[in-house]
Protein backbone atom coordinates (compact mmCIF):
# COMPACT_ATOMS: atom_id res chain seq x y z
CA MET A 1 11.81 -59.86 -5.84
CA ARG A 2 12.40 -56.94 -4.42
CA ARG A 3 16.03 -55.22 -4.90
CA ILE A 4 17.27 -52.45 -2.80
CA ALA A 5 20.38 -50.62 -3.98
CA PHE A 6 22.07 -48.52 -1.35
CA ILE A 7 24.39 -45.84 -2.88
CA ASN A 8 25.96 -42.52 -2.77
CA GLU A 9 29.50 -41.35 -4.78
CA LYS A 10 30.96 -40.49 -1.68
CA GLY A 11 32.42 -42.41 1.14
CA GLY A 12 31.75 -42.80 5.06
CA THR A 13 28.01 -42.76 4.84
CA CYS A 14 27.55 -45.36 6.65
CA LYS A 15 26.08 -47.11 3.72
CA THR A 16 27.41 -50.98 4.75
CA THR A 17 26.60 -50.73 7.76
CA LEU A 18 22.59 -49.54 6.26
CA ALA A 19 23.37 -52.25 4.07
CA VAL A 20 23.93 -55.33 6.25
CA ASN A 21 21.55 -54.76 9.24
CA THR A 22 18.67 -53.71 6.81
CA ALA A 23 19.60 -57.25 4.70
CA ALA A 24 19.77 -59.11 8.28
CA TRP A 25 16.57 -57.32 9.55
CA LEU A 26 14.69 -58.96 6.71
CA ALA A 27 16.02 -62.22 6.82
CA ARG A 28 15.93 -62.50 11.21
CA GLU A 29 12.25 -59.78 11.57
CA ARG A 30 10.58 -60.48 8.47
CA GLY A 31 11.53 -64.49 7.79
CA LEU A 32 12.76 -63.36 4.10
CA LYS A 33 15.31 -65.44 2.24
CA VAL A 34 17.50 -62.09 1.23
CA LEU A 35 20.74 -61.95 -0.97
CA LEU A 36 23.21 -58.89 0.15
CA VAL A 37 25.31 -58.35 -2.44
CA ASP A 38 28.81 -56.79 -2.08
CA LEU A 39 30.02 -54.54 -4.94
CA ASP A 40 32.85 -52.86 -3.41
CA THR A 41 36.42 -53.13 -3.04
CA GLN A 42 36.99 -53.65 0.60
CA GLY A 43 34.79 -56.27 0.88
CA HIS A 44 33.30 -54.72 3.99
CA SER A 45 29.93 -56.02 3.78
CA GLY A 46 31.46 -60.23 3.64
CA LYS A 47 33.65 -58.72 6.72
CA SER A 48 30.54 -57.71 8.63
CA LEU A 49 29.23 -60.77 8.25
CA GLY A 50 32.38 -62.57 9.75
CA LEU A 51 33.82 -63.81 6.20
CA ASP A 52 37.23 -63.56 5.49
CA VAL A 53 36.62 -62.31 1.81
CA ARG A 54 40.50 -62.59 1.50
CA THR A 55 40.73 -66.13 1.57
CA LEU A 56 37.37 -67.02 -0.77
CA PRO A 57 38.51 -68.96 -3.97
CA ARG A 58 35.57 -66.73 -5.90
CA ASN A 59 33.63 -63.75 -5.16
CA VAL A 60 31.32 -60.90 -7.36
CA PHE A 61 34.13 -60.27 -9.84
CA HIS A 62 34.27 -64.17 -10.88
CA LEU A 63 30.45 -64.06 -10.93
CA LEU A 64 30.88 -61.14 -13.45
CA THR A 65 33.40 -61.70 -15.36
CA ASP A 66 33.43 -65.76 -15.81
CA PRO A 67 30.88 -67.56 -17.58
CA ALA A 68 31.86 -70.53 -16.32
CA VAL A 69 31.31 -69.52 -12.47
CA ARG A 70 27.71 -70.04 -11.42
CA LEU A 71 26.07 -68.12 -8.91
CA GLU A 72 25.97 -70.94 -6.49
CA ASP A 73 29.57 -70.93 -6.77
CA VAL A 74 30.17 -67.91 -5.26
CA ILE A 75 27.13 -67.44 -2.57
CA GLN A 76 28.26 -67.72 0.87
CA PRO A 77 25.65 -68.46 3.89
CA SER A 78 25.98 -66.32 6.78
CA ALA A 79 25.42 -66.80 10.69
CA ILE A 80 21.91 -65.22 10.18
CA GLU A 81 19.44 -68.42 9.02
CA GLY A 82 17.79 -66.68 5.67
CA LEU A 83 20.55 -64.60 5.29
CA SER A 84 23.07 -65.10 2.32
CA VAL A 85 26.19 -62.91 0.88
CA LEU A 86 27.62 -62.36 -2.55
CA PRO A 87 30.95 -61.39 -1.25
CA ALA A 88 33.61 -58.85 -3.05
CA TYR A 89 37.38 -58.09 -2.97
CA LYS A 90 40.04 -55.81 -4.10
CA GLU A 91 39.18 -57.82 -8.07
CA MET A 92 36.48 -55.77 -7.97
CA ALA A 93 39.03 -52.87 -9.13
CA ASP A 94 39.61 -54.06 -12.43
CA PHE A 95 36.09 -54.82 -13.54
CA PRO A 96 35.40 -51.24 -15.20
CA LEU A 97 38.70 -52.33 -17.24
CA VAL A 98 38.03 -56.08 -18.00
CA VAL A 99 34.13 -55.23 -19.39
CA ALA A 100 35.42 -51.48 -21.02
CA GLN A 101 34.33 -53.25 -24.69
CA ASP A 102 31.52 -54.74 -24.16
CA GLU A 103 28.36 -52.74 -25.45
CA ARG A 104 26.10 -54.66 -22.50
CA ARG A 105 28.67 -54.15 -19.92
CA ALA A 106 25.77 -52.36 -17.94
CA TYR A 107 23.81 -55.34 -17.53
CA ARG A 108 26.38 -57.88 -16.41
CA LEU A 109 24.76 -57.95 -12.65
CA ALA A 110 21.17 -58.23 -13.77
CA GLU A 111 22.08 -60.83 -16.26
CA ARG A 112 24.07 -63.28 -13.29
CA LEU A 113 21.92 -62.34 -10.79
CA GLU A 114 18.89 -63.78 -12.62
CA PRO A 115 18.53 -67.55 -11.13
CA ALA A 116 18.37 -65.78 -7.63
CA GLU A 117 14.28 -65.53 -7.78
CA ALA A 118 14.37 -68.89 -8.79
CA ALA A 119 16.72 -69.88 -5.67
CA GLY A 120 13.73 -68.76 -3.39
CA PHE A 121 15.36 -64.91 -2.45
CA ASP A 122 12.82 -62.93 -1.62
CA VAL A 123 15.24 -59.88 -1.59
CA ILE A 124 18.29 -58.87 -3.03
CA VAL A 125 20.45 -55.75 -0.88
CA PHE A 126 23.29 -54.10 -3.14
CA ASP A 127 26.32 -52.61 -1.14
CA ALA A 128 27.71 -49.92 -4.15
CA PRO A 129 31.37 -48.55 -4.12
CA PRO A 130 31.12 -44.92 -3.42
CA SER A 131 31.47 -43.82 -6.81
CA MET A 132 29.19 -43.56 -10.19
CA GLY A 133 30.67 -45.56 -12.32
CA ILE A 134 29.96 -49.01 -14.36
CA THR A 135 30.23 -50.86 -10.87
CA THR A 136 27.29 -48.70 -9.40
CA ARG A 137 25.66 -48.27 -13.46
CA ASN A 138 25.74 -52.20 -13.14
CA ILE A 139 23.57 -51.91 -9.91
CA LEU A 140 20.93 -49.58 -11.24
CA VAL A 141 19.93 -51.98 -13.73
CA ALA A 142 19.75 -54.66 -11.48
CA ALA A 143 17.63 -52.50 -8.67
CA THR A 144 14.08 -51.61 -8.33
CA GLU A 145 14.57 -49.06 -5.65
CA VAL A 146 17.45 -46.79 -4.29
CA VAL A 147 18.12 -46.03 -0.42
CA VAL A 148 20.68 -43.11 -0.42
CA PRO A 149 22.43 -42.60 2.83
CA VAL A 150 23.48 -39.17 3.88
CA ALA A 151 25.86 -38.05 5.77
CA LEU A 152 25.15 -34.70 7.54
CA THR A 153 27.89 -32.78 6.22
CA TYR A 154 28.58 -29.32 4.23
CA PHE A 155 28.92 -31.32 1.45
CA ALA A 156 25.87 -33.87 1.75
CA LEU A 157 23.74 -32.13 -1.06
CA ASP A 158 26.02 -32.64 -3.45
CA GLY A 159 26.46 -36.44 -3.73
CA CYS A 160 22.50 -36.72 -3.32
CA ALA A 161 22.03 -34.63 -6.12
CA GLU A 162 24.55 -36.46 -8.02
CA VAL A 163 22.57 -39.69 -7.24
CA ALA A 164 19.15 -38.50 -8.26
CA ASP A 165 20.39 -37.10 -11.58
CA THR A 166 22.03 -40.30 -12.09
CA VAL A 167 19.46 -42.81 -11.35
CA ARG A 168 16.94 -40.71 -13.11
CA GLN A 169 19.34 -40.65 -16.58
CA VAL A 170 19.18 -45.02 -16.12
CA ALA A 171 15.47 -44.89 -15.72
CA GLU A 172 15.27 -43.19 -18.48
CA THR A 173 18.35 -44.27 -20.75
CA GLU A 174 18.29 -48.42 -19.59
CA GLY A 175 14.58 -48.55 -19.99
CA ARG A 176 13.86 -48.78 -15.82
CA PRO A 177 11.33 -46.32 -15.80
CA GLY A 178 9.99 -47.84 -12.02
CA LEU A 179 13.59 -47.16 -10.57
CA ARG A 180 13.61 -44.21 -8.15
CA ILE A 181 15.20 -43.21 -4.98
CA THR A 182 12.86 -44.58 -2.30
CA LYS A 183 14.80 -43.67 1.11
CA VAL A 184 17.20 -41.25 1.65
CA VAL A 185 18.30 -42.10 5.56
CA PRO A 186 20.43 -39.09 7.01
CA THR A 187 23.70 -40.74 8.67
CA LEU A 188 26.26 -39.46 11.76
CA TYR A 189 23.11 -37.68 13.01
CA ARG A 190 24.42 -35.40 16.14
CA ARG A 191 22.59 -32.56 17.72
CA THR A 192 23.99 -29.64 16.00
CA ALA A 193 22.76 -26.35 14.19
CA LEU A 194 24.91 -28.15 11.23
CA ALA A 195 22.80 -31.37 11.23
CA THR A 196 19.56 -29.25 11.95
CA ALA A 197 20.29 -27.24 8.86
CA ILE A 198 21.08 -29.69 6.36
CA LEU A 199 18.03 -31.64 7.40
CA GLU A 200 16.32 -29.06 6.77
CA ARG A 201 17.43 -28.65 3.33
CA LEU A 202 16.66 -32.75 2.59
CA LYS A 203 13.57 -32.07 3.61
CA ALA A 204 12.63 -29.26 1.10
CA TYR A 205 14.77 -31.47 -1.30
CA PHE A 206 13.58 -34.72 -1.22
CA PRO A 207 10.24 -34.25 0.77
CA GLU A 208 8.19 -37.92 0.33
CA SER A 209 11.14 -39.91 0.97
CA LEU A 210 13.54 -38.76 4.00
CA ALA A 211 13.34 -41.20 6.38
CA ALA A 212 12.12 -39.98 9.65
CA THR A 213 15.10 -41.93 11.69
CA PRO A 214 18.17 -40.70 11.37
CA LEU A 215 21.24 -43.00 12.14
CA GLY A 216 23.30 -41.40 15.12
CA TYR A 217 26.59 -42.59 16.16
CA ASN A 218 26.14 -45.47 18.35
CA VAL A 219 29.45 -47.01 19.29
CA LYS A 220 27.60 -50.70 19.51
CA VAL A 221 27.05 -50.21 15.73
CA ASP A 222 30.73 -49.95 15.34
CA GLU A 223 31.82 -52.87 18.14
CA ALA A 224 29.81 -55.24 16.24
CA GLN A 225 31.00 -54.47 12.63
CA SER A 226 34.25 -55.14 14.51
CA HIS A 227 33.50 -58.55 15.83
CA GLY A 228 32.13 -59.80 12.39
CA LYS A 229 28.62 -59.64 13.82
CA THR A 230 25.56 -57.54 12.69
CA ILE A 231 23.82 -55.36 15.73
CA TRP A 232 21.32 -58.20 16.28
CA GLU A 233 23.80 -60.84 17.32
CA TYR A 234 25.99 -57.93 19.67
CA ALA A 235 23.49 -55.58 21.12
CA PRO A 236 19.86 -56.33 20.17
CA SER A 237 18.41 -53.99 22.63
CA SER A 238 21.05 -51.13 22.41
CA THR A 239 20.13 -47.19 21.33
CA GLY A 240 22.18 -48.48 17.96
CA ALA A 241 19.64 -52.07 17.21
CA GLN A 242 16.77 -49.58 17.84
CA MET A 243 17.88 -46.89 15.15
CA LEU A 244 19.25 -49.95 12.75
CA ALA A 245 15.06 -51.41 13.15
CA ALA A 246 13.32 -48.08 12.93
CA ILE A 247 15.00 -47.75 9.72
CA ALA A 248 14.98 -51.26 8.31
CA THR A 249 11.32 -50.65 9.04
CA GLU A 250 10.96 -47.32 7.02
CA ILE A 251 12.96 -48.74 3.97
CA PHE A 252 11.20 -52.04 3.64
CA ASP A 253 7.43 -51.11 4.59
CA GLY A 254 7.34 -47.36 3.03
CA ALA A 255 6.60 -45.94 6.71
CA PRO A 256 8.20 -44.94 10.33
CA ALA A 257 7.11 -48.06 12.91
CA LYS A 258 5.12 -47.46 15.79
CA ALA A 259 6.73 -46.28 18.78
CA SER A 260 8.09 -49.16 20.78
CA LYS A 261 6.44 -49.11 24.89
CA ARG A 262 9.97 -50.59 26.02
CA GLY A 263 13.57 -48.71 25.38
CA LYS A 264 14.04 -45.32 24.46
CA LYS A 265 12.53 -43.41 21.27
CA ALA A 266 15.06 -43.42 18.32
CA PRO A 267 15.65 -39.27 17.37
CA ARG A 268 12.96 -37.92 14.62
CA VAL A 269 13.57 -35.82 11.78
CA ALA A 270 10.00 -35.24 11.83
């Protein structure tokens, strides 16, 4: 079972946008049974799928801190066949304090998700909080691969370097030798000299894992989220949908998708 974590210590990198729409694409286009696990206090993954996360009696925090809560007690269905979500909300802010004295605190998430494979899930997608604390460490222990969304701003490489160092450290100290960054996705792309310069630096730093398709700004993606829908439900023929489909293909298959004969091509990095 592949377990794909979307991680960056910085906020505003389109991490949730990529996690939600990649999970939806895997369910819709590949027919996989996908579990989207939100671990951010804002609960945006659940909100992006139309859930009112404020009113749910249980969320991922309760699963991680209460042994009596089972995985099936917390999982919520989505409107997309094959896609379920493990929602989060502001209670997750207390997670580091609750587990502070537990020597195995970094393994809470991995252990509580063990029934997922028996439940028939093919893929787990993690939406991480914008920090490199104990919650993100739990995600890295539970994950098999890491995707790093990088906003093309001046300090972009700082966050990337931090994630890369943390992934290496967790792989070594937590017995996860196969854990690695499999894809770095440039986001908030605009055709500017600064964005081009940052892309060149990213290509030099991540020559094998930089996504060929950057995620540029597209209003349909924002509109879809405001309606509690994925881009595939809201505007499946939009440029935003084309970009997200190309990125999801790269993430899952490890190579860019072949260019479609219909519609506009997404902008390319290489």
